[in-house]
Amino acid sequence: MKLPFAAKWCAVGLAGLLIGACTQMPTEKQGVSDLRPQLSFKTSEDGMRAAHVFVDGLDMGSVGDYLEGVASLRVLSGVHAIRVDLGGRAVVEEKIYLGDGVNRTVLVK
């Protein structure tokens, strides 16, 4: 049985569409950056690493947990009261503004 010329081309076109539908469409992947401000601490004395960090009155851990170049403390943007205590006395007391994308290092002496 012989198919008409138009029927052959319709069959070829349909096969081409079906094969083309099997491919995956290109997608675009975008990552989301964390732009929250970061706070880290720098100290030259090993004893200061045990000092406790308070942000807005909340104990956030020790200075050694957030050393510059190693780790940082992420906070919300805005004004924050930073206090570093060692042995019951305040070593550092600062009120600072941290905006989105800002990395701030506090020197602890």
PDB file of N, CA and C in Angstrom:
ATOM      1  N   MET A   1       0.837  -1.159   0.000  1.00  0.00           N
ATOM      2  CA  MET A   1       0.000   0.000   0.000  1.00  0.00           C
ATOM      3  C   MET A   1       0.889   1.231   0.000  1.00  0.00           C
ATOM      4  N   LYS A   2       0.546   2.129  -0.864  1.00  0.00           N
ATOM      5  CA  LYS A   2       1.351   3.319  -1.042  1.00  0.00           C
ATOM      6  C   LYS A   2       0.629   4.507  -0.421  1.00  0.00           C
ATOM      7  N   LEU A   3       1.347   5.254   0.457  1.00  0.00           N
ATOM      8  CA  LEU A   3       0.763   6.444   1.085  1.00  0.00           C
ATOM      9  C   LEU A   3       0.960   7.645   0.182  1.00  0.00           C
ATOM     10  N   PRO A   4      -0.004   8.546   0.170  1.00  0.00           N
ATOM     11  CA  PRO A   4       0.171   9.761  -0.619  1.00  0.00           C
ATOM     12  C   PRO A   4       1.337  10.584  -0.088  1.00  0.00           C
ATOM     13  N   PHE A   5       1.867  11.418  -0.969  1.00  0.00           N
ATOM     14  CA  PHE A   5       3.037  12.250  -0.654  1.00  0.00           C
ATOM     15  C   PHE A   5       2.801  13.115   0.592  1.00  0.00           C
ATOM     16  N   ALA A   6       1.667  13.753   0.727  1.00  0.00           N
ATOM     17  CA  ALA A   6       1.352  14.627   1.869  1.00  0.00           C
ATOM     18  C   ALA A   6       1.283  13.830   3.159  1.00  0.00           C
ATOM     19  N   ALA A   7       0.769  12.611   3.108  1.00  0.00           N
ATOM     20  CA  ALA A   7       0.658  11.779   4.304  1.00  0.00           C
ATOM     21  C   ALA A   7       2.037  11.385   4.814  1.00  0.00           C
ATOM     22  N   LYS A   8       2.972  11.128   3.886  1.00  0.00           N
ATOM     23  CA  LYS A   8       4.342  10.789   4.294  1.00  0.00           C
ATOM     24  C   LYS A   8       4.975  11.957   5.045  1.00  0.00           C
ATOM     25  N   TRP A   9       4.830  13.154   4.504  1.00  0.00           N
ATOM     26  CA  TRP A   9       5.440  14.325   5.145  1.00  0.00           C
ATOM     27  C   TRP A   9       4.768  14.656   6.475  1.00  0.00           C
ATOM     28  N   CYS A  10       3.492  14.399   6.585  1.00  0.00           N
ATOM     29  CA  CYS A  10       2.797  14.599   7.871  1.00  0.00           C
ATOM     30  C   CYS A  10       3.335  13.625   8.912  1.00  0.00           C
ATOM     31  N   ALA A  11       3.569  12.371   8.497  1.00  0.00           N
ATOM     32  CA  ALA A  11       4.106  11.370   9.415  1.00  0.00           C
ATOM     33  C   ALA A  11       5.519  11.740   9.851  1.00  0.00           C
ATOM     34  N   VAL A  12       6.342  12.217   8.918  1.00  0.00           N
ATOM     35  CA  VAL A  12       7.710  12.632   9.245  1.00  0.00           C
ATOM     36  C   VAL A  12       7.683  13.837  10.187  1.00  0.00           C
ATOM     37  N   GLY A  13       6.810  14.802   9.911  1.00  0.00           N
ATOM     38  CA  GLY A  13       6.700  15.991  10.765  1.00  0.00           C
ATOM     39  C   GLY A  13       6.238  15.642  12.169  1.00  0.00           C
ATOM     40  N   LEU A  14       5.266  14.732  12.270  1.00  0.00           N
ATOM     41  CA  LEU A  14       4.766  14.296  13.570  1.00  0.00           C
ATOM     42  C   LEU A  14       5.856  13.571  14.351  1.00  0.00           C
ATOM     43  N   ALA A  15       6.618  12.720  13.679  1.00  0.00           N
ATOM     44  CA  ALA A  15       7.721  12.017  14.340  1.00  0.00           C
ATOM     45  C   ALA A  15       8.765  13.014  14.844  1.00  0.00           C
ATOM     46  N   GLY A  16       9.045  14.049  14.049  1.00  0.00           N
ATOM     47  CA  GLY A  16      10.005  15.073  14.468  1.00  0.00           C
ATOM     48  C   GLY A  16       9.531  15.828  15.697  1.00  0.00           C
ATOM     49  N   LEU A  17       8.241  16.135  15.751  1.00  0.00           N
ATOM     50  CA  LEU A  17       7.692  16.818  16.928  1.00  0.00           C
ATOM     51  C   LEU A  17       7.777  15.946  18.172  1.00  0.00           C
ATOM     52  N   LEU A  18       7.477  14.662  18.018  1.00  0.00           N
ATOM     53  CA  LEU A  18       7.523  13.760  19.165  1.00  0.00           C
ATOM     54  C   LEU A  18       8.947  13.580  19.683  1.00  0.00           C
ATOM     55  N   ILE A  19       9.904  13.486  18.790  1.00  0.00           N
ATOM     56  CA  ILE A  19      11.304  13.348  19.212  1.00  0.00           C
ATOM     57  C   ILE A  19      11.779  14.631  19.885  1.00  0.00           C
ATOM     58  N   GLY A  20      11.404  15.764  19.345  1.00  0.00           N
ATOM     59  CA  GLY A  20      11.799  17.046  19.924  1.00  0.00           C
ATOM     60  C   GLY A  20      11.187  17.282  21.291  1.00  0.00           C
ATOM     61  N   ALA A  21      10.023  16.705  21.548  1.00  0.00           N
ATOM     62  CA  ALA A  21       9.356  16.883  22.837  1.00  0.00           C
ATOM     63  C   ALA A  21      10.027  16.078  23.940  1.00  0.00           C
ATOM     64  N   CYS A  22      10.890  15.153  23.581  1.00  0.00           N
ATOM     65  CA  CYS A  22      11.557  14.316  24.575  1.00  0.00           C
ATOM     66  C   CYS A  22      12.742  15.017  25.236  1.00  0.00           C
ATOM     67  N   THR A  23      13.172  16.114  24.688  1.00  0.00           N
ATOM     68  CA  THR A  23      14.315  16.810  25.277  1.00  0.00           C
ATOM     69  C   THR A  23      13.845  17.740  26.382  1.00  0.00           C
ATOM     70  N   GLN A  24      14.716  17.952  27.347  1.00  0.00           N
ATOM     71  CA  GLN A  24      14.389  18.822  28.478  1.00  0.00           C
ATOM     72  C   GLN A  24      14.680  20.272  28.111  1.00  0.00           C
ATOM     73  N   MET A  25      13.775  21.134  28.474  1.00  0.00           N
ATOM     74  CA  MET A  25      13.960  22.555  28.213  1.00  0.00           C
ATOM     75  C   MET A  25      15.069  23.084  29.123  1.00  0.00           C
ATOM     76  N   PRO A  26      15.856  24.032  28.644  1.00  0.00           N
ATOM     77  CA  PRO A  26      16.917  24.590  29.486  1.00  0.00           C
ATOM     78  C   PRO A  26      16.322  25.332  30.685  1.00  0.00           C
ATOM     79  N   THR A  27      16.989  25.199  31.811  1.00  0.00           N
ATOM     80  CA  THR A  27      16.535  25.877  33.026  1.00  0.00           C
ATOM     81  C   THR A  27      17.651  26.770  33.543  1.00  0.00           C
ATOM     82  N   GLU A  28      17.277  27.699  34.371  1.00  0.00           N
ATOM     83  CA  GLU A  28      18.251  28.613  34.962  1.00  0.00           C
ATOM     84  C   GLU A  28      18.150  28.489  36.471  1.00  0.00           C
ATOM     85  N   LYS A  29      19.280  28.275  37.119  1.00  0.00           N
ATOM     86  CA  LYS A  29      19.300  28.134  38.571  1.00  0.00           C
ATOM     87  C   LYS A  29      19.975  29.364  39.164  1.00  0.00           C
ATOM     88  N   GLN A  30      19.299  29.971  40.118  1.00  0.00           N
ATOM     89  CA  GLN A  30      19.866  31.138  40.777  1.00  0.00           C
ATOM     90  C   GLN A  30      19.957  30.862  42.268  1.00  0.00           C
ATOM     91  N   GLY A  31      21.093  31.189  42.843  1.00  0.00           N
ATOM     92  CA  GLY A  31      21.265  31.053  44.276  1.00  0.00           C
ATOM     93  C   GLY A  31      20.873  32.339  44.984  1.00  0.00           C
ATOM     94  N   VAL A  32      20.500  32.199  46.237  1.00  0.00           N
ATOM     95  CA  VAL A  32      20.128  33.362  47.038  1.00  0.00           C
ATOM     96  C   VAL A  32      21.234  33.602  48.054  1.00  0.00           C
ATOM     97  N   SER A  33      21.783  34.793  48.034  1.00  0.00           N
ATOM     98  CA  SER A  33      22.845  35.135  48.971  1.00  0.00           C
ATOM     99  C   SER A  33      22.251  35.580  50.298  1.00  0.00           C
ATOM    100  N   ASP A  34      22.949  35.260  51.364  1.00  0.00           N
ATOM    101  CA  ASP A  34      22.541  35.716  52.692  1.00  0.00           C
ATOM    102  C   ASP A  34      23.225  37.049  52.938  1.00  0.00           C
ATOM    103  N   LEU A  35      22.474  38.113  52.897  1.00  0.00           N
ATOM    104  CA  LEU A  35      23.039  39.454  53.027  1.00  0.00           C
ATOM    105  C   LEU A  35      22.959  40.002  54.445  1.00  0.00           C
ATOM    106  N   ARG A  36      22.622  39.153  55.417  1.00  0.00           N
ATOM    107  CA  ARG A  36      22.563  39.652  56.792  1.00  0.00           C
ATOM    108  C   ARG A  36      23.944  40.135  57.223  1.00  0.00           C
ATOM    109  N   PRO A  37      23.983  41.172  58.052  1.00  0.00           N
ATOM    110  CA  PRO A  37      25.276  41.664  58.546  1.00  0.00           C
ATOM    111  C   PRO A  37      26.001  40.589  59.357  1.00  0.00           C
ATOM    112  N   GLN A  38      27.336  40.646  59.318  1.00  0.00           N
ATOM    113  CA  GLN A  38      28.153  39.688  60.055  1.00  0.00           C
ATOM    114  C   GLN A  38      29.049  40.427  61.028  1.00  0.00           C
ATOM    115  N   LEU A  39      29.220  39.829  62.183  1.00  0.00           N
ATOM    116  CA  LEU A  39      30.026  40.412  63.247  1.00  0.00           C
ATOM    117  C   LEU A  39      31.083  39.391  63.652  1.00  0.00           C
ATOM    118  N   SER A  40      32.337  39.814  63.667  1.00  0.00           N
ATOM    119  CA  SER A  40      33.416  38.932  64.121  1.00  0.00           C
ATOM    120  C   SER A  40      34.298  39.708  65.089  1.00  0.00           C
ATOM    121  N   PHE A  41      35.192  38.995  65.747  1.00  0.00           N
ATOM    122  CA  PHE A  41      36.021  39.603  66.786  1.00  0.00           C
ATOM    123  C   PHE A  41      37.488  39.306  66.530  1.00  0.00           C
ATOM    124  N   LYS A  42      38.328  40.260  66.913  1.00  0.00           N
ATOM    125  CA  LYS A  42      39.772  40.120  66.745  1.00  0.00           C
ATOM    126  C   LYS A  42      40.422  40.405  68.092  1.00  0.00           C
ATOM    127  N   THR A  43      41.317  39.522  68.504  1.00  0.00           N
ATOM    128  CA  THR A  43      42.034  39.709  69.763  1.00  0.00           C
ATOM    129  C   THR A  43      43.443  39.153  69.630  1.00  0.00           C
ATOM    130  N   SER A  44      44.373  39.787  70.308  1.00  0.00           N
ATOM    131  CA  SER A  44      45.753  39.310  70.272  1.00  0.00           C
ATOM    132  C   SER A  44      46.073  38.454  71.495  1.00  0.00           C
ATOM    133  N   GLU A  45      45.210  38.493  72.488  1.00  0.00           N
ATOM    134  CA  GLU A  45      45.436  37.729  73.719  1.00  0.00           C
ATOM    135  C   GLU A  45      44.558  36.477  73.727  1.00  0.00           C
ATOM    136  N   ASP A  46      45.173  35.339  74.006  1.00  0.00           N
ATOM    137  CA  ASP A  46      44.418  34.082  74.041  1.00  0.00           C
ATOM    138  C   ASP A  46      43.380  34.065  75.155  1.00  0.00           C
ATOM    139  N   GLY A  47      43.655  34.748  76.260  1.00  0.00           N
ATOM    140  CA  GLY A  47      42.716  34.788  77.382  1.00  0.00           C
ATOM    141  C   GLY A  47      41.401  35.456  77.036  1.00  0.00           C
ATOM    142  N   MET A  48      41.424  36.354  76.075  1.00  0.00           N
ATOM    143  CA  MET A  48      40.207  37.069  75.677  1.00  0.00           C
ATOM    144  C   MET A  48      39.252  36.196  74.863  1.00  0.00           C
ATOM    145  N   ARG A  49      39.722  35.082  74.376  1.00  0.00           N
ATOM    146  CA  ARG A  49      38.853  34.196  73.592  1.00  0.00           C
ATOM    147  C   ARG A  49      37.734  33.603  74.441  1.00  0.00           C
ATOM    148  N   ALA A  50      37.926  33.556  75.752  1.00  0.00           N
ATOM    149  CA  ALA A  50      36.910  33.006  76.652  1.00  0.00           C
ATOM    150  C   ALA A  50      35.850  34.035  77.029  1.00  0.00           C
ATOM    151  N   ALA A  51      36.055  35.293  76.678  1.00  0.00           N
ATOM    152  CA  ALA A  51      35.088  36.344  77.012  1.00  0.00           C
ATOM    153  C   ALA A  51      33.761  36.078  76.309  1.00  0.00           C
ATOM    154  N   HIS A  52      32.664  36.428  76.982  1.00  0.00           N
ATOM    155  CA  HIS A  52      31.326  36.188  76.436  1.00  0.00           C
ATOM    156  C   HIS A  52      30.823  37.383  75.653  1.00  0.00           C
ATOM    157  N   VAL A  53      30.173  37.082  74.529  1.00  0.00           N
ATOM    158  CA  VAL A  53      29.620  38.105  73.640  1.00  0.00           C
ATOM    159  C   VAL A  53      28.120  38.219  73.902  1.00  0.00           C
ATOM    160  N   PHE A  54      27.662  39.446  74.104  1.00  0.00           N
ATOM    161  CA  PHE A  54      26.240  39.726  74.268  1.00  0.00           C
ATOM    162  C   PHE A  54      25.813  40.685  73.160  1.00  0.00           C
ATOM    163  N   VAL A  55      24.747  40.332  72.464  1.00  0.00           N
ATOM    164  CA  VAL A  55      24.175  41.209  71.446  1.00  0.00           C
ATOM    165  C   VAL A  55      22.754  41.530  71.894  1.00  0.00           C
ATOM    166  N   ASP A  56      22.510  42.792  72.151  1.00  0.00           N
ATOM    167  CA  ASP A  56      21.201  43.250  72.639  1.00  0.00           C
ATOM    168  C   ASP A  56      20.777  42.500  73.900  1.00  0.00           C
ATOM    169  N   GLY A  57      21.747  42.216  74.773  1.00  0.00           N
ATOM    170  CA  GLY A  57      21.462  41.554  76.038  1.00  0.00           C
ATOM    171  C   GLY A  57      21.382  40.044  75.969  1.00  0.00           C
ATOM    172  N   LEU A  58      21.515  39.459  74.795  1.00  0.00           N
ATOM    173  CA  LEU A  58      21.451  38.001  74.647  1.00  0.00           C
ATOM    174  C   LEU A  58      22.852  37.419  74.539  1.00  0.00           C
ATOM    175  N   ASP A  59      23.130  36.381  75.344  1.00  0.00           N
ATOM    176  CA  ASP A  59      24.437  35.717  75.326  1.00  0.00           C
ATOM    177  C   ASP A  59      24.557  34.911  74.035  1.00  0.00           C
ATOM    178  N   MET A  60      25.552  35.260  73.217  1.00  0.00           N
ATOM    179  CA  MET A  60      25.723  34.612  71.918  1.00  0.00           C
ATOM    180  C   MET A  60      26.881  33.613  71.902  1.00  0.00           C
ATOM    181  N   GLY A  61      27.591  33.468  73.003  1.00  0.00           N
ATOM    182  CA  GLY A  61      28.726  32.551  73.046  1.00  0.00           C
ATOM    183  C   GLY A  61      29.996  33.301  73.371  1.00  0.00           C
ATOM    184  N   SER A  62      31.121  32.679  73.104  1.00  0.00           N
ATOM    185  CA  SER A  62      32.407  33.296  73.442  1.00  0.00           C
ATOM    186  C   SER A  62      33.040  33.957  72.218  1.00  0.00           C
ATOM    187  N   VAL A  63      33.994  34.825  72.490  1.00  0.00           N
ATOM    188  CA  VAL A  63      34.726  35.517  71.427  1.00  0.00           C
ATOM    189  C   VAL A  63      35.408  34.499  70.516  1.00  0.00           C
ATOM    190  N   GLY A  64      35.919  33.422  71.092  1.00  0.00           N
ATOM    191  CA  GLY A  64      36.593  32.382  70.322  1.00  0.00           C
ATOM    192  C   GLY A  64      35.704  31.707  69.289  1.00  0.00           C
ATOM    193  N   ASP A  65      34.389  31.790  69.474  1.00  0.00           N
ATOM    194  CA  ASP A  65      33.455  31.195  68.510  1.00  0.00           C
ATOM    195  C   ASP A  65      33.329  32.025  67.240  1.00  0.00           C
ATOM    196  N   TYR A  66      33.710  33.313  67.317  1.00  0.00           N
ATOM    197  CA  TYR A  66      33.498  34.235  66.198  1.00  0.00           C
ATOM    198  C   TYR A  66      34.769  34.997  65.840  1.00  0.00           C
ATOM    199  N   LEU A  67      35.885  34.304  65.759  1.00  0.00           N
ATOM    200  CA  LEU A  67      37.150  34.961  65.427  1.00  0.00           C
ATOM    201  C   LEU A  67      37.177  35.388  63.967  1.00  0.00           C
ATOM    202  N   GLU A  68      37.782  36.537  63.732  1.00  0.00           N
ATOM    203  CA  GLU A  68      37.886  37.093  62.380  1.00  0.00           C
ATOM    204  C   GLU A  68      38.577  36.099  61.447  1.00  0.00           C
ATOM    205  N   GLY A  69      38.011  35.884  60.290  1.00  0.00           N
ATOM    206  CA  GLY A  69      38.581  34.975  59.304  1.00  0.00           C
ATOM    207  C   GLY A  69      38.213  33.520  59.511  1.00  0.00           C
ATOM    208  N   VAL A  70      37.594  33.199  60.652  1.00  0.00           N
ATOM    209  CA  VAL A  70      37.220  31.815  60.938  1.00  0.00           C
ATOM    210  C   VAL A  70      35.701  31.651  60.911  1.00  0.00           C
ATOM    211  N   ALA A  71      35.015  32.472  61.684  1.00  0.00           N
ATOM    212  CA  ALA A  71      33.553  32.399  61.770  1.00  0.00           C
ATOM    213  C   ALA A  71      33.007  33.789  62.055  1.00  0.00           C
ATOM    214  N   SER A  72      31.726  33.951  61.822  1.00  0.00           N
ATOM    215  CA  SER A  72      31.105  35.245  62.108  1.00  0.00           C
ATOM    216  C   SER A  72      29.703  35.025  62.658  1.00  0.00           C
ATOM    217  N   LEU A  73      29.242  36.021  63.369  1.00  0.00           N
ATOM    218  CA  LEU A  73      27.918  36.012  63.974  1.00  0.00           C
ATOM    219  C   LEU A  73      26.992  36.808  63.066  1.00  0.00           C
ATOM    220  N   ARG A  74      25.957  36.174  62.564  1.00  0.00           N
ATOM    221  CA  ARG A  74      25.003  36.864  61.683  1.00  0.00           C
ATOM    222  C   ARG A  74      23.887  37.458  62.534  1.00  0.00           C
ATOM    223  N   VAL A  75      23.590  38.718  62.265  1.00  0.00           N
ATOM    224  CA  VAL A  75      22.531  39.423  62.984  1.00  0.00           C
ATOM    225  C   VAL A  75      21.609  40.089  61.963  1.00  0.00           C
ATOM    226  N   LEU A  76      20.487  40.582  62.428  1.00  0.00           N
ATOM    227  CA  LEU A  76      19.593  41.336  61.555  1.00  0.00           C
ATOM    228  C   LEU A  76      20.142  42.742  61.392  1.00  0.00           C
ATOM    229  N   SER A  77      19.839  43.374  60.281  1.00  0.00           N
ATOM    230  CA  SER A  77      20.332  44.734  60.081  1.00  0.00           C
ATOM    231  C   SER A  77      19.625  45.676  61.054  1.00  0.00           C
ATOM    232  N   GLY A  78      20.365  46.690  61.488  1.00  0.00           N
ATOM    233  CA  GLY A  78      19.827  47.660  62.440  1.00  0.00           C
ATOM    234  C   GLY A  78      20.864  48.012  63.486  1.00  0.00           C
ATOM    235  N   VAL A  79      20.419  48.709  64.535  1.00  0.00           N
ATOM    236  CA  VAL A  79      21.304  49.129  65.627  1.00  0.00           C
ATOM    237  C   VAL A  79      21.344  48.023  66.674  1.00  0.00           C
ATOM    238  N   HIS A  80      22.553  47.686  67.119  1.00  0.00           N
ATOM    239  CA  HIS A  80      22.733  46.633  68.118  1.00  0.00           C
ATOM    240  C   HIS A  80      23.681  47.095  69.217  1.00  0.00           C
ATOM    241  N   ALA A  81      23.381  46.658  70.444  1.00  0.00           N
ATOM    242  CA  ALA A  81      24.260  46.908  71.585  1.00  0.00           C
ATOM    243  C   ALA A  81      25.166  45.687  71.728  1.00  0.00           C
ATOM    244  N   ILE A  82      26.461  45.894  71.530  1.00  0.00           N
ATOM    245  CA  ILE A  82      27.452  44.815  71.621  1.00  0.00           C
ATOM    246  C   ILE A  82      28.193  44.967  72.938  1.00  0.00           C
ATOM    247  N   ARG A  83      28.268  43.871  73.681  1.00  0.00           N
ATOM    248  CA  ARG A  83      28.984  43.889  74.957  1.00  0.00           C
ATOM    249  C   ARG A  83      29.800  42.608  75.049  1.00  0.00           C
ATOM    250  N   VAL A  84      31.048  42.748  75.457  1.00  0.00           N
ATOM    251  CA  VAL A  84      31.929  41.602  75.662  1.00  0.00           C
ATOM    252  C   VAL A  84      32.344  41.619  77.123  1.00  0.00           C
ATOM    253  N   ASP A  85      32.019  40.550  77.851  1.00  0.00           N
ATOM    254  CA  ASP A  85      32.320  40.439  79.285  1.00  0.00           C
ATOM    255  C   ASP A  85      33.384  39.383  79.520  1.00  0.00           C
ATOM    256  N   LEU A  86      34.297  39.691  80.422  1.00  0.00           N
ATOM    257  CA  LEU A  86      35.309  38.723  80.856  1.00  0.00           C
ATOM    258  C   LEU A  86      35.402  38.813  82.365  1.00  0.00           C
ATOM    259  N   GLY A  87      35.075  37.730  83.031  1.00  0.00           N
ATOM    260  CA  GLY A  87      35.153  37.692  84.486  1.00  0.00           C
ATOM    261  C   GLY A  87      34.215  38.679  85.167  1.00  0.00           C
ATOM    262  N   GLY A  88      33.068  38.927  84.590  1.00  0.00           N
ATOM    263  CA  GLY A  88      32.086  39.800  85.210  1.00  0.00           C
ATOM    264  C   GLY A  88      32.239  41.282  84.900  1.00  0.00           C
ATOM    265  N   ARG A  89      33.280  41.652  84.172  1.00  0.00           N
ATOM    266  CA  ARG A  89      33.439  43.076  83.828  1.00  0.00           C
ATOM    267  C   ARG A  89      33.379  43.238  82.312  1.00  0.00           C
ATOM    268  N   ALA A  90      32.866  44.389  81.896  1.00  0.00           N
ATOM    269  CA  ALA A  90      32.724  44.669  80.464  1.00  0.00           C
ATOM    270  C   ALA A  90      34.066  45.074  79.875  1.00  0.00           C
ATOM    271  N   VAL A  91      34.509  44.355  78.879  1.00  0.00           N
ATOM    272  CA  VAL A  91      35.751  44.671  78.178  1.00  0.00           C
ATOM    273  C   VAL A  91      35.448  45.595  76.995  1.00  0.00           C
ATOM    274  N   VAL A  92      34.331  45.332  76.324  1.00  0.00           N
ATOM    275  CA  VAL A  92      33.896  46.146  75.183  1.00  0.00           C
ATOM    276  C   VAL A  92      32.409  46.435  75.352  1.00  0.00           C
ATOM    277  N   GLU A  93      32.038  47.687  75.138  1.00  0.00           N
ATOM    278  CA  GLU A  93      30.625  48.077  75.098  1.00  0.00           C
ATOM    279  C   GLU A  93      30.461  49.059  73.956  1.00  0.00           C
ATOM    280  N   GLU A  94      29.721  48.652  72.930  1.00  0.00           N
ATOM    281  CA  GLU A  94      29.523  49.499  71.751  1.00  0.00           C
ATOM    282  C   GLU A  94      28.081  49.407  71.292  1.00  0.00           C
ATOM    283  N   LYS A  95      27.594  50.489  70.755  1.00  0.00           N
ATOM    284  CA  LYS A  95      26.292  50.497  70.088  1.00  0.00           C
ATOM    285  C   LYS A  95      26.594  50.812  68.632  1.00  0.00           C
ATOM    286  N   ILE A  96      26.306  49.857  67.753  1.00  0.00           N
ATOM    287  CA  ILE A  96      26.687  50.022  66.350  1.00  0.00           C
ATOM    288  C   ILE A  96      25.504  49.737  65.432  1.00  0.00           C
ATOM    289  N   TYR A  97      25.561  50.363  64.262  1.00  0.00           N
ATOM    290  CA  TYR A  97      24.575  50.092  63.219  1.00  0.00           C
ATOM    291  C   TYR A  97      25.212  49.154  62.203  1.00  0.00           C
ATOM    292  N   LEU A  98      24.497  48.094  61.870  1.00  0.00           N
ATOM    293  CA  LEU A  98      24.960  47.135  60.864  1.00  0.00           C
ATOM    294  C   LEU A  98      23.904  47.039  59.769  1.00  0.00           C
ATOM    295  N   GLY A  99      24.301  47.361  58.550  1.00  0.00           N
ATOM    296  CA  GLY A  99      23.395  47.282  57.404  1.00  0.00           C
ATOM    297  C   GLY A  99      23.595  45.985  56.642  1.00  0.00           C
ATOM    298  N   ASP A 100      22.689  45.706  55.723  1.00  0.00           N
ATOM    299  CA  ASP A 100      22.771  44.486  54.908  1.00  0.00           C
ATOM    300  C   ASP A 100      24.101  44.411  54.171  1.00  0.00           C
ATOM    301  N   GLY A 101      24.723  43.228  54.206  1.00  0.00           N
ATOM    302  CA  GLY A 101      25.972  43.000  53.487  1.00  0.00           C
ATOM    303  C   GLY A 101      27.212  43.504  54.194  1.00  0.00           C
ATOM    304  N   VAL A 102      27.076  44.036  55.415  1.00  0.00           N
ATOM    305  CA  VAL A 102      28.216  44.609  56.145  1.00  0.00           C
ATOM    306  C   VAL A 102      28.899  43.524  56.975  1.00  0.00           C
ATOM    307  N   ASN A 103      30.227  43.509  56.936  1.00  0.00           N
ATOM    308  CA  ASN A 103      31.040  42.642  57.794  1.00  0.00           C
ATOM    309  C   ASN A 103      31.825  43.545  58.728  1.00  0.00           C
ATOM    310  N   ARG A 104      31.591  43.426  60.022  1.00  0.00           N
ATOM    311  CA  ARG A 104      32.230  44.315  60.994  1.00  0.00           C
ATOM    312  C   ARG A 104      33.071  43.484  61.947  1.00  0.00           C
ATOM    313  N   THR A 105      34.290  43.939  62.199  1.00  0.00           N
ATOM    314  CA  THR A 105      35.183  43.274  63.145  1.00  0.00           C
ATOM    315  C   THR A 105      35.354  44.169  64.359  1.00  0.00           C
ATOM    316  N   VAL A 106      35.142  43.600  65.542  1.00  0.00           N
ATOM    317  CA  VAL A 106      35.289  44.322  66.801  1.00  0.00           C
ATOM    318  C   VAL A 106      36.606  43.901  67.428  1.00  0.00           C
ATOM    319  N   LEU A 107      37.424  44.880  67.790  1.00  0.00           N
ATOM    320  CA  LEU A 107      38.714  44.623  68.425  1.00  0.00           C
ATOM    321  C   LEU A 107      38.504  44.471  69.924  1.00  0.00           C
ATOM    322  N   VAL A 108      38.932  43.336  70.475  1.00  0.00           N
ATOM    323  CA  VAL A 108      38.786  43.053  71.907  1.00  0.00           C
ATOM    324  C   VAL A 108      40.168  43.089  72.534  1.00  0.00           C
ATOM    325  N   LYS A 109      40.373  44.037  73.476  1.00  0.00           N
ATOM    326  CA  LYS A 109      41.677  44.172  74.160  1.00  0.00           C
ATOM    327  C   LYS A 109      41.552  43.837  75.619  1.00  0.00           C
TER     328      LYS A 109
END
